[in-house]
Every structure is written in structure tokens, then in C-alpha cells.
Amino acid sequence: MSEEFTPAETAHAPGVCVSFEEKRVELPEIQGDEQIVRQIWEETDALGYVYIWQLLESF
């Protein structure tokens, strides 16, 4: 009925909702500098993480 929870499979680094490596699989081939795309993704993802924690702390 229920699957066994394994933290190693679902764990992310602190401050990360969706890692770039996970998202990279979904993206088409990057034509430009992948480091710029990675940096923007990680900065945007960090904002989402902070937002979620702010909501949890506020209520």
C-alpha cells in the first residue's frame, strides 16, 4: 500500500527546492553558457525556498 520513505532519494541540499541537475533533465539543449543558466536557476530557486520558509514561520 505505501512505499517506504528513503531520505537519500528525496533529499536536497539545504536551501534548494529543485536542484539544477534535476531541472536540467527537463530542459532542451542549452545553446549558450550553461553556467549562466545554472546561476539564474539556483538564485531563483533559493528565493522560492526562502518564500516557503517565510510562510511557515509567519503562520
Foldseek 3Di string as FASTA:
>chain_A
DDDDDDCVVVPDDPLADAAPVRVVVVDDDDPDDVVVVNVVVSVVRSVVSVVVVVVVVVD
